Amino acid sequence: MFLIVMMTFFAVLALDINVPATVLTAMAAVNSVILARTDKQAGGETA
């Protein structure tokens, strides 16, 4: 019983780390695509 509880605990802990990391990766990818498109529309000039 203790083994099942510990396995569940660490599985939830792994998901607790994995889900925000996946969301942040997706947000960074979308942000880079948006920045690349706006940079092309602005003529490729950097600030």
N, C-alpha and C. Protein backbone atom coordinates (compact mmCIF):
# COMPACT_ATOMS: atom_id res chain seq x y z
N MET A 1 0.83 -1.20 0.00
CA MET A 1 0.00 0.00 0.00
C MET A 1 0.87 1.26 0.00
N PHE A 2 1.92 1.25 0.80
CA PHE A 2 2.81 2.40 0.88
C PHE A 2 3.49 2.66 -0.48
N LEU A 3 3.82 1.57 -1.18
CA LEU A 3 4.46 1.70 -2.49
C LEU A 3 3.52 2.38 -3.48
N ILE A 4 2.26 2.01 -3.46
CA ILE A 4 1.27 2.62 -4.37
C ILE A 4 1.10 4.10 -4.06
N VAL A 5 1.06 4.44 -2.78
CA VAL A 5 0.92 5.84 -2.38
C VAL A 5 2.13 6.64 -2.85
N MET A 6 3.32 6.10 -2.66
CA MET A 6 4.52 6.81 -3.09
C MET A 6 4.59 6.94 -4.61
N MET A 7 4.20 5.89 -5.33
CA MET A 7 4.19 5.96 -6.80
C MET A 7 3.20 7.02 -7.27
N THR A 8 2.06 7.08 -6.64
CA THR A 8 1.07 8.10 -7.01
C THR A 8 1.59 9.49 -6.70
N PHE A 9 2.21 9.65 -5.56
CA PHE A 9 2.76 10.95 -5.18
C PHE A 9 3.78 11.44 -6.19
N PHE A 10 4.72 10.57 -6.58
CA PHE A 10 5.76 11.00 -7.50
C PHE A 10 5.23 11.16 -8.92
N ALA A 11 4.19 10.40 -9.29
CA ALA A 11 3.58 10.59 -10.60
C ALA A 11 2.89 11.95 -10.67
N VAL A 12 2.19 12.33 -9.62
CA VAL A 12 1.54 13.64 -9.57
C VAL A 12 2.60 14.74 -9.54
N LEU A 13 3.68 14.52 -8.82
CA LEU A 13 4.75 15.50 -8.77
C LEU A 13 5.39 15.70 -10.15
N ALA A 14 5.56 14.62 -10.89
CA ALA A 14 6.12 14.72 -12.24
C ALA A 14 5.17 15.49 -13.15
N LEU A 15 3.87 15.25 -13.04
CA LEU A 15 2.90 16.00 -13.85
C LEU A 15 2.87 17.46 -13.42
N ASP A 16 3.06 17.71 -12.14
CA ASP A 16 3.05 19.08 -11.63
C ASP A 16 4.21 19.89 -12.22
N ILE A 17 5.28 19.20 -12.56
CA ILE A 17 6.42 19.88 -13.19
C ILE A 17 6.24 19.91 -14.70
N ASN A 18 5.74 18.84 -15.28
CA ASN A 18 5.68 18.69 -16.73
C ASN A 18 4.64 19.60 -17.37
N VAL A 19 3.48 19.75 -16.77
CA VAL A 19 2.41 20.54 -17.38
C VAL A 19 2.79 22.02 -17.50
N PRO A 20 3.27 22.68 -16.45
CA PRO A 20 3.69 24.08 -16.63
C PRO A 20 4.85 24.24 -17.61
N ALA A 21 5.76 23.28 -17.63
CA ALA A 21 6.88 23.35 -18.57
C ALA A 21 6.38 23.27 -20.00
N THR A 22 5.40 22.40 -20.26
CA THR A 22 4.83 22.28 -21.60
C THR A 22 4.10 23.55 -21.99
N VAL A 23 3.34 24.11 -21.06
CA VAL A 23 2.60 25.35 -21.35
C VAL A 23 3.57 26.49 -21.63
N LEU A 24 4.62 26.62 -20.83
CA LEU A 24 5.58 27.69 -21.05
C LEU A 24 6.33 27.51 -22.37
N THR A 25 6.62 26.27 -22.75
CA THR A 25 7.27 26.02 -24.03
C THR A 25 6.37 26.42 -25.18
N ALA A 26 5.09 26.08 -25.08
CA ALA A 26 4.14 26.47 -26.13
C ALA A 26 4.01 27.99 -26.21
N MET A 27 3.97 28.65 -25.06
CA MET A 27 3.87 30.11 -25.06
C MET A 27 5.11 30.75 -25.68
N ALA A 28 6.27 30.21 -25.39
CA ALA A 28 7.50 30.75 -25.98
C ALA A 28 7.54 30.52 -27.48
N ALA A 29 7.06 29.37 -27.95
CA ALA A 29 7.03 29.10 -29.38
C ALA A 29 6.09 30.05 -30.10
N VAL A 30 4.91 30.27 -29.53
CA VAL A 30 3.95 31.19 -30.14
C VAL A 30 4.51 32.61 -30.13
N ASN A 31 5.15 32.98 -29.05
CA ASN A 31 5.73 34.32 -28.95
C ASN A 31 6.81 34.52 -30.01
N SER A 32 7.65 33.52 -30.24
CA SER A 32 8.71 33.67 -31.24
C SER A 32 8.13 33.75 -32.64
N VAL A 33 7.04 33.01 -32.90
CA VAL A 33 6.39 33.09 -34.22
C VAL A 33 5.79 34.48 -34.42
N ILE A 34 5.13 34.99 -33.40
CA ILE A 34 4.53 36.33 -33.51
C ILE A 34 5.61 37.39 -33.70
N LEU A 35 6.70 37.29 -32.96
CA LEU A 35 7.78 38.26 -33.10
C LEU A 35 8.42 38.17 -34.49
N ALA A 36 8.56 36.97 -35.02
CA ALA A 36 9.15 36.81 -36.35
C ALA A 36 8.25 37.44 -37.41
N ARG A 37 6.94 37.25 -37.28
CA ARG A 37 6.01 37.83 -38.26
C ARG A 37 5.99 39.35 -38.17
N THR A 38 5.96 39.90 -36.96
CA THR A 38 5.93 41.35 -36.83
C THR A 38 7.25 41.96 -37.29
N ASP A 39 8.36 41.21 -37.12
CA ASP A 39 9.65 41.70 -37.58
C ASP A 39 9.69 41.76 -39.11
N LYS A 40 9.11 40.76 -39.77
CA LYS A 40 9.05 40.78 -41.24
C LYS A 40 8.17 41.92 -41.74
N GLN A 41 7.06 42.15 -41.05
CA GLN A 41 6.14 43.22 -41.47
C GLN A 41 6.78 44.59 -41.25
N ALA A 42 7.66 44.71 -40.27
CA ALA A 42 8.30 45.98 -39.98
C ALA A 42 9.50 46.23 -40.89
N GLY A 43 9.79 45.32 -41.78
CA GLY A 43 10.91 45.50 -42.69
C GLY A 43 12.20 44.89 -42.19
N GLY A 44 12.13 44.09 -41.16
CA GLY A 44 13.32 43.41 -40.65
C GLY A 44 14.21 44.28 -39.78
N GLU A 45 13.73 45.41 -39.38
CA GLU A 45 14.55 46.30 -38.56
C GLU A 45 14.48 45.87 -37.10
N THR A 46 15.60 45.93 -36.43
CA THR A 46 15.62 45.61 -35.00
C THR A 46 15.83 46.88 -34.21
N ALA A 47 15.29 46.90 -33.02
CA ALA A 47 15.38 48.12 -32.18
C ALA A 47 16.76 48.29 -31.62
